């Protein structure tokens, strides 16, 4: 989808069609970077999903959940007190 907007007093409006496509809501924080002469905006949610996908490469398919193991350990320690 190609669309455009203008810069005015250092501000830019993100067109509604793009906000809807990316599920951007009022108050969402954007992360801005300059890459190869282009301005790139992303969200924390998108960055988190990229990071999770990156780490999933290194987790064996049938590996137990480390979060579940940690919770179980904490519960056991709490009951032992």
C-alpha atoms as a PDB file:
ATOM      1  CA  UNK A   1       0.000   0.000   0.000  1.00  0.00           C
ATOM      2  CA  UNK A   2       1.456   3.315  -1.025  1.00  0.00           C
ATOM      3  CA  UNK A   3       0.355   6.454   0.707  1.00  0.00           C
ATOM      4  CA  UNK A   4       1.929   9.737   1.678  1.00  0.00           C
ATOM      5  CA  UNK A   5       1.761  12.494   4.245  1.00  0.00           C
ATOM      6  CA  UNK A   6       3.536  15.804   4.760  1.00  0.00           C
ATOM      7  CA  UNK A   7       5.934  16.997   7.411  1.00  0.00           C
ATOM      8  CA  UNK A   8       4.654  20.052   9.276  1.00  0.00           C
ATOM      9  CA  UNK A   9       6.564  21.678  12.148  1.00  0.00           C
ATOM     10  CA  UNK A  10       8.533  18.487  12.699  1.00  0.00           C
ATOM     11  CA  UNK A  11       5.393  16.346  12.893  1.00  0.00           C
ATOM     12  CA  UNK A  12       4.024  13.762  10.531  1.00  0.00           C
ATOM     13  CA  UNK A  13       0.583  12.176  10.403  1.00  0.00           C
ATOM     14  CA  UNK A  14       0.433   8.432   9.847  1.00  0.00           C
ATOM     15  CA  UNK A  15      -2.403   7.791   7.395  1.00  0.00           C
ATOM     16  CA  UNK A  16      -5.418   5.950   8.825  1.00  0.00           C
ATOM     17  CA  UNK A  17      -5.086   3.054   6.366  1.00  0.00           C
ATOM     18  CA  UNK A  18      -1.549   2.332   7.611  1.00  0.00           C
ATOM     19  CA  UNK A  19      -2.562   2.722  11.273  1.00  0.00           C
ATOM     20  CA  UNK A  20      -5.329   0.180  10.723  1.00  0.00           C
ATOM     21  CA  UNK A  21      -3.081  -2.218   8.808  1.00  0.00           C
ATOM     22  CA  UNK A  22      -0.471  -2.115  11.582  1.00  0.00           C
ATOM     23  CA  UNK A  23      -3.062  -2.031  14.398  1.00  0.00           C
ATOM     24  CA  UNK A  24      -1.619   1.202  15.796  1.00  0.00           C
ATOM     25  CA  UNK A  25      -3.612   2.750  18.624  1.00  0.00           C
ATOM     26  CA  UNK A  26      -3.441   6.110  20.389  1.00  0.00           C
ATOM     27  CA  UNK A  27      -0.612   5.999  22.896  1.00  0.00           C
ATOM     28  CA  UNK A  28       1.392   3.286  21.096  1.00  0.00           C
ATOM     29  CA  UNK A  29       5.076   4.081  21.132  1.00  0.00           C
ATOM     30  CA  UNK A  30       6.988   4.048  17.875  1.00  0.00           C
ATOM     31  CA  UNK A  31      10.684   3.292  17.536  1.00  0.00           C
ATOM     32  CA  UNK A  32      12.289   5.378  14.790  1.00  0.00           C
ATOM     33  CA  UNK A  33      15.529   4.527  12.980  1.00  0.00           C
ATOM     34  CA  UNK A  34      17.298   5.785   9.882  1.00  0.00           C
ATOM     35  CA  UNK A  35      18.379   2.920   7.646  1.00  0.00           C
ATOM     36  CA  UNK A  36      20.010   3.331   4.239  1.00  0.00           C
ATOM     37  CA  UNK A  37      18.596   6.827   3.796  1.00  0.00           C
ATOM     38  CA  UNK A  38      15.065   5.801   4.793  1.00  0.00           C
ATOM     39  CA  UNK A  39      13.119   6.534   7.949  1.00  0.00           C
ATOM     40  CA  UNK A  40      11.804   3.324   9.503  1.00  0.00           C
ATOM     41  CA  UNK A  41       9.174   3.241  12.239  1.00  0.00           C
ATOM     42  CA  UNK A  42       8.260   0.140  14.211  1.00  0.00           C
ATOM     43  CA  UNK A  43       6.408  -0.643  17.418  1.00  0.00           C
ATOM     44  CA  UNK A  44       7.544  -2.275  20.623  1.00  0.00           C
ATOM     45  CA  UNK A  45       5.085  -5.083  19.888  1.00  0.00           C
ATOM     46  CA  UNK A  46       6.713  -5.722  16.484  1.00  0.00           C
ATOM     47  CA  UNK A  47      10.193  -5.638  18.008  1.00  0.00           C
ATOM     48  CA  UNK A  48       9.112  -8.107  20.708  1.00  0.00           C
ATOM     49  CA  UNK A  49       7.715 -10.493  18.095  1.00  0.00           C
ATOM     50  CA  UNK A  50      10.982 -10.300  16.115  1.00  0.00           C
ATOM     51  CA  UNK A  51      13.019 -10.993  19.257  1.00  0.00           C
ATOM     52  CA  UNK A  52      10.799 -13.942  20.206  1.00  0.00           C
ATOM     53  CA  UNK A  53      11.143 -15.403  16.712  1.00  0.00           C
ATOM     54  CA  UNK A  54      14.920 -15.000  16.900  1.00  0.00           C
ATOM     55  CA  UNK A  55      15.156 -16.823  20.235  1.00  0.00           C
ATOM     56  CA  UNK A  56      12.766 -19.580  19.114  1.00  0.00           C
ATOM     57  CA  UNK A  57      15.417 -20.662  16.581  1.00  0.00           C
ATOM     58  CA  UNK A  58      17.584 -21.828  19.454  1.00  0.00           C
ATOM     59  CA  UNK A  59      14.921 -23.679  21.461  1.00  0.00           C
ATOM     60  CA  UNK A  60      14.476 -27.371  20.638  1.00  0.00           C
ATOM     61  CA  UNK A  61      10.969 -28.190  19.359  1.00  0.00           C
ATOM     62  CA  UNK A  62       9.923 -30.376  22.321  1.00  0.00           C
ATOM     63  CA  UNK A  63      11.802 -28.468  25.020  1.00  0.00           C
ATOM     64  CA  UNK A  64       9.910 -27.840  28.257  1.00  0.00           C
ATOM     65  CA  UNK A  65       8.883 -24.275  28.980  1.00  0.00           C
ATOM     66  CA  UNK A  66      11.560 -22.569  31.053  1.00  0.00           C
ATOM     67  CA  UNK A  67       8.943 -20.177  32.399  1.00  0.00           C
ATOM     68  CA  UNK A  68       6.799 -23.090  33.595  1.00  0.00           C
ATOM     69  CA  UNK A  69       9.847 -24.714  35.220  1.00  0.00           C
ATOM     70  CA  UNK A  70      10.722 -21.465  37.018  1.00  0.00           C
ATOM     71  CA  UNK A  71       7.151 -21.036  38.287  1.00  0.00           C
ATOM     72  CA  UNK A  72       7.096 -24.639  39.535  1.00  0.00           C
ATOM     73  CA  UNK A  73      10.426 -24.136  41.335  1.00  0.00           C
ATOM     74  CA  UNK A  74       9.197 -20.919  42.975  1.00  0.00           C
ATOM     75  CA  UNK A  75       5.962 -22.584  44.107  1.00  0.00           C
ATOM     76  CA  UNK A  76       7.881 -25.519  45.557  1.00  0.00           C
ATOM     77  CA  UNK A  77      10.234 -23.156  47.395  1.00  0.00           C
ATOM     78  CA  UNK A  78       7.266 -21.170  48.707  1.00  0.00           C
ATOM     79  CA  UNK A  79       5.559 -24.315  50.001  1.00  0.00           C
ATOM     80  CA  UNK A  80       8.784 -25.459  51.667  1.00  0.00           C
ATOM     81  CA  UNK A  81       8.993 -22.285  53.745  1.00  0.00           C
END
